[in-house]
Amino acid sequence: MFFQAKTLLTLITFGRLLSTAAGVNLSQFTRPNCRGNRASCTNIGSRVCCQSNQRVFASGSCQGCTSTDFHSTWTRQGRNSCGRNAASTNGGRCISGSSNLRGHSWCRLCRTKREEGEEPTCTESVEPNVLEIDGKWFHLKDEMPGNERDALWDLWNNEAVIADMPAEMLKYEEEMPEGIEDSM
C-alpha cells in the first residue's frame, strides 16, 4: 500500500511540473473587457512579469491558466512594471476595470497579496513577443530594428487598421501563435 501511495504522489508531482513548464500565454488588450488590439507573452513562465515599458493596457487574459492558477494585472511602482497589484482572478477569465496597467503575471497556487518582507511576486520581466493588430499577428523578434519595433507598437497602440499599415511592416506578419485563442 505504501509503495502505491508513493508512486501516486510521484506521478502527481511530475504532472504538476509538466503543467507549469509551458503553454501559458498572457494577453494584454488596448480596450476594456479583453477587446481591441492584443499584445501577448507566449509560453511565459510562472512569476514572470509580462511588462509594457512605455505603454499601458486596459485589460488582460490568460490562456492556459487552470482553476488553481491566478493571473494578475499590475501598475508601475518605481521602475517595476509589476509593482502594485491592480486586480487578480483565477483561471483564464478577463481582468478589466483598472487603468494605467503596465504588467501582467500568473502563478499556480499562490497568494496574490504580498506581505511585508515577502519575496517579490515576479522573479523576472519580459516584453510581449507578439502583437495582434486589426486581426493580424506580428512577431517581435530580437533582430528587429528598434525603429520598426517602435513603429509596430505605435500601430498597436493607435489601433491602426491593416489597410493603413506601411508596407514595410507587413514583412513581420505571421500566423496566429499556437495556444492563443481568438479574442473573448
Protein backbone atom coordinates (compact mmCIF):
# COMPACT_ATOMS: atom_id res chain seq x y z
CA MET A 1 0.00 0.00 0.00
CA PHE A 2 2.83 2.41 0.89
CA PHE A 3 4.50 1.77 -2.49
CA GLN A 4 1.31 2.62 -4.40
CA ALA A 5 0.80 5.86 -2.46
CA LYS A 6 4.42 6.89 -3.01
CA THR A 7 4.17 6.14 -6.74
CA LEU A 8 0.91 8.07 -6.99
CA LEU A 9 2.42 11.07 -5.19
CA THR A 10 5.43 10.99 -7.54
CA LEU A 11 3.17 10.91 -10.61
CA ILE A 12 1.07 13.82 -9.32
CA THR A 13 4.18 15.88 -8.59
CA PHE A 14 5.64 15.11 -12.03
CA GLY A 15 2.34 16.05 -13.69
CA ARG A 16 2.32 19.40 -11.90
CA LEU A 17 5.86 20.11 -13.03
CA LEU A 18 4.95 19.36 -16.64
CA SER A 19 1.85 21.53 -16.49
CA THR A 20 3.86 24.58 -15.39
CA ALA A 21 6.63 24.15 -17.96
CA ALA A 22 4.94 25.88 -20.89
CA GLY A 23 1.66 26.61 -22.52
CA VAL A 24 0.58 29.74 -20.65
CA ASN A 25 0.02 32.86 -22.74
CA LEU A 26 -0.70 36.25 -21.16
CA SER A 27 -2.54 38.73 -23.37
CA GLN A 28 -2.91 42.47 -22.84
CA PHE A 29 -5.60 44.44 -24.65
CA THR A 30 -5.95 48.08 -25.72
CA ARG A 31 -9.60 48.17 -24.60
CA PRO A 32 -11.59 47.00 -21.55
CA ASN A 33 -13.23 43.55 -21.49
CA CYS A 34 -10.35 41.94 -23.43
CA ARG A 35 -11.17 43.73 -26.66
CA GLY A 36 -9.13 45.73 -29.15
CA ASN A 37 -5.56 45.01 -30.18
CA ARG A 38 -3.63 42.41 -28.22
CA ALA A 39 -0.02 42.12 -27.05
CA SER A 40 0.97 38.66 -25.81
CA CYS A 41 3.79 36.97 -23.95
CA THR A 42 3.66 33.39 -25.22
CA ASN A 43 4.79 30.36 -23.23
CA ILE A 44 5.59 32.58 -20.26
CA GLY A 45 6.75 31.05 -17.02
CA SER A 46 5.14 31.42 -13.63
CA ARG A 47 6.01 34.64 -11.76
CA VAL A 48 7.47 36.31 -14.86
CA CYS A 49 6.21 39.86 -15.46
CA CYS A 50 4.91 40.45 -18.99
CA GLN A 51 5.61 44.16 -18.97
CA SER A 52 4.72 47.08 -21.15
CA ASN A 53 7.54 49.53 -20.50
CA GLN A 54 6.34 52.54 -22.46
CA ARG A 55 2.72 51.58 -22.99
CA VAL A 56 -0.37 50.98 -20.91
CA PHE A 57 -3.11 48.42 -21.48
CA ALA A 58 -6.74 48.24 -20.36
CA SER A 59 -7.42 44.54 -19.69
CA GLY A 60 -5.75 41.13 -19.67
CA SER A 61 -6.46 37.43 -20.09
CA CYS A 62 -4.58 34.18 -19.52
CA GLN A 63 -4.77 31.27 -21.96
CA GLY A 64 -3.61 28.02 -20.40
CA CYS A 65 -4.38 29.03 -16.81
CA THR A 66 -6.29 26.45 -14.79
CA SER A 67 -8.72 26.96 -11.92
CA THR A 68 -5.77 26.83 -9.47
CA ASP A 69 -3.79 29.46 -11.41
CA PHE A 70 -4.09 33.16 -10.68
CA HIS A 71 -3.23 35.86 -13.16
CA SER A 72 -2.74 39.44 -12.06
CA THR A 73 -2.53 42.84 -13.69
CA TRP A 74 -0.17 45.41 -12.23
CA THR A 75 0.52 49.13 -12.16
CA ARG A 76 4.01 50.55 -12.02
CA GLN A 77 5.68 51.21 -8.70
CA GLY A 78 9.01 52.95 -9.11
CA ARG A 79 10.77 51.26 -12.03
CA ASN A 80 8.92 47.97 -11.56
CA SER A 81 6.11 47.37 -14.10
CA CYS A 82 4.71 44.61 -11.86
CA GLY A 83 4.96 46.79 -8.77
CA ARG A 84 1.46 47.20 -7.37
CA ASN A 85 -1.31 44.63 -7.85
CA ALA A 86 -4.32 46.13 -9.66
CA ALA A 87 -6.51 43.01 -9.92
CA SER A 88 -6.28 39.21 -9.87
CA THR A 89 -8.53 36.33 -10.83
CA ASN A 90 -8.21 32.60 -11.18
CA GLY A 91 -8.42 30.66 -14.42
CA GLY A 92 -8.37 32.42 -17.75
CA ARG A 93 -11.07 34.98 -17.07
CA CYS A 94 -10.65 38.52 -18.34
CA ILE A 95 -9.40 41.15 -15.90
CA SER A 96 -10.84 44.55 -16.73
CA GLY A 97 -11.71 47.76 -14.97
CA SER A 98 -8.31 49.14 -13.96
CA SER A 99 -6.34 51.87 -15.66
CA ASN A 100 -2.67 52.56 -16.31
CA LEU A 101 -1.81 48.85 -16.35
CA ARG A 102 1.86 48.10 -17.04
CA GLY A 103 2.43 44.45 -16.11
CA HIS A 104 0.75 41.04 -16.13
CA SER A 105 1.81 37.77 -14.48
CA TRP A 106 0.49 34.37 -13.41
CA CYS A 107 1.26 31.80 -10.73
CA ARG A 108 -0.05 28.44 -9.55
CA LEU A 109 -1.50 28.01 -6.05
CA CYS A 110 -0.14 31.37 -4.91
CA ARG A 111 -1.16 34.25 -2.76
CA THR A 112 -1.93 37.40 -4.68
CA LYS A 113 -1.27 39.92 -1.90
CA ARG A 114 2.31 40.44 -0.80
CA GLU A 115 3.03 40.62 2.91
CA GLU A 116 5.71 42.88 4.43
CA GLY A 117 9.14 41.31 3.91
CA GLU A 118 7.85 38.68 1.48
CA GLU A 119 9.78 37.94 -1.70
CA PRO A 120 8.70 39.89 -4.82
CA THR A 121 5.82 38.38 -6.77
CA CYS A 122 7.75 38.38 -10.06
CA THR A 123 11.24 36.99 -10.42
CA GLU A 124 11.99 38.43 -13.89
CA SER A 125 10.42 40.52 -16.66
CA VAL A 126 9.90 40.13 -20.40
CA GLU A 127 8.14 42.20 -23.03
CA PRO A 128 5.34 40.83 -25.23
CA ASN A 129 6.71 38.88 -28.20
CA VAL A 130 3.63 39.06 -30.47
CA LEU A 131 1.15 41.80 -31.34
CA GLU A 132 -2.30 41.43 -32.82
CA ILE A 133 -3.19 44.47 -34.90
CA ASP A 134 -6.56 44.55 -36.66
CA GLY A 135 -6.81 40.74 -36.53
CA LYS A 136 -3.31 40.12 -37.96
CA TRP A 137 -0.33 38.81 -35.96
CA PHE A 138 3.14 40.37 -35.85
CA HIS A 139 6.10 38.72 -34.13
CA LEU A 140 8.55 40.99 -32.33
CA LYS A 141 11.90 39.35 -32.92
CA ASP A 142 15.19 40.18 -31.21
CA GLU A 143 16.89 41.03 -34.51
CA MET A 144 14.13 43.51 -35.48
CA PRO A 145 15.45 47.09 -35.81
CA GLY A 146 14.34 49.28 -32.90
CA ASN A 147 12.61 51.85 -35.11
CA GLU A 148 10.48 49.12 -36.75
CA ARG A 149 9.65 47.59 -33.36
CA ASP A 150 8.58 51.04 -32.13
CA ALA A 151 6.52 51.57 -35.30
CA LEU A 152 4.62 48.30 -34.72
CA TRP A 153 3.96 49.30 -31.10
CA ASP A 154 2.65 52.69 -32.27
CA LEU A 155 0.32 50.96 -34.75
CA TRP A 156 -0.85 48.64 -31.94
CA ASN A 157 -1.43 51.49 -29.51
CA ASN A 158 -3.26 53.65 -32.08
CA GLU A 159 -5.43 50.69 -33.15
CA ALA A 160 -4.39 51.04 -36.78
CA VAL A 161 -6.16 49.07 -39.50
CA ILE A 162 -4.19 46.84 -41.85
CA ALA A 163 -5.20 48.91 -44.89
CA ASP A 164 -3.35 51.90 -43.41
CA MET A 165 -0.27 49.94 -42.32
CA PRO A 166 3.02 50.79 -44.05
CA ALA A 167 4.07 48.00 -46.44
CA GLU A 168 7.46 47.55 -44.72
CA MET A 169 5.69 46.47 -41.52
CA LEU A 170 3.80 43.66 -43.25
CA LYS A 171 7.01 41.61 -43.52
CA TYR A 172 6.62 40.80 -39.81
CA GLU A 173 3.12 39.36 -40.23
CA GLU A 174 2.87 35.66 -39.31
CA GLU A 175 0.26 33.10 -38.34
CA MET A 176 -1.57 33.24 -35.03
CA PRO A 177 0.75 31.76 -32.38
CA GLU A 178 -0.08 28.29 -31.09
CA GLY A 179 -2.14 28.33 -27.92
CA ILE A 180 -3.54 31.82 -28.47
CA GLU A 181 -7.31 31.90 -28.62
CA ASP A 182 -9.48 34.31 -30.56
CA SER A 183 -10.49 37.36 -28.51
CA MET A 184 -13.16 36.62 -25.93
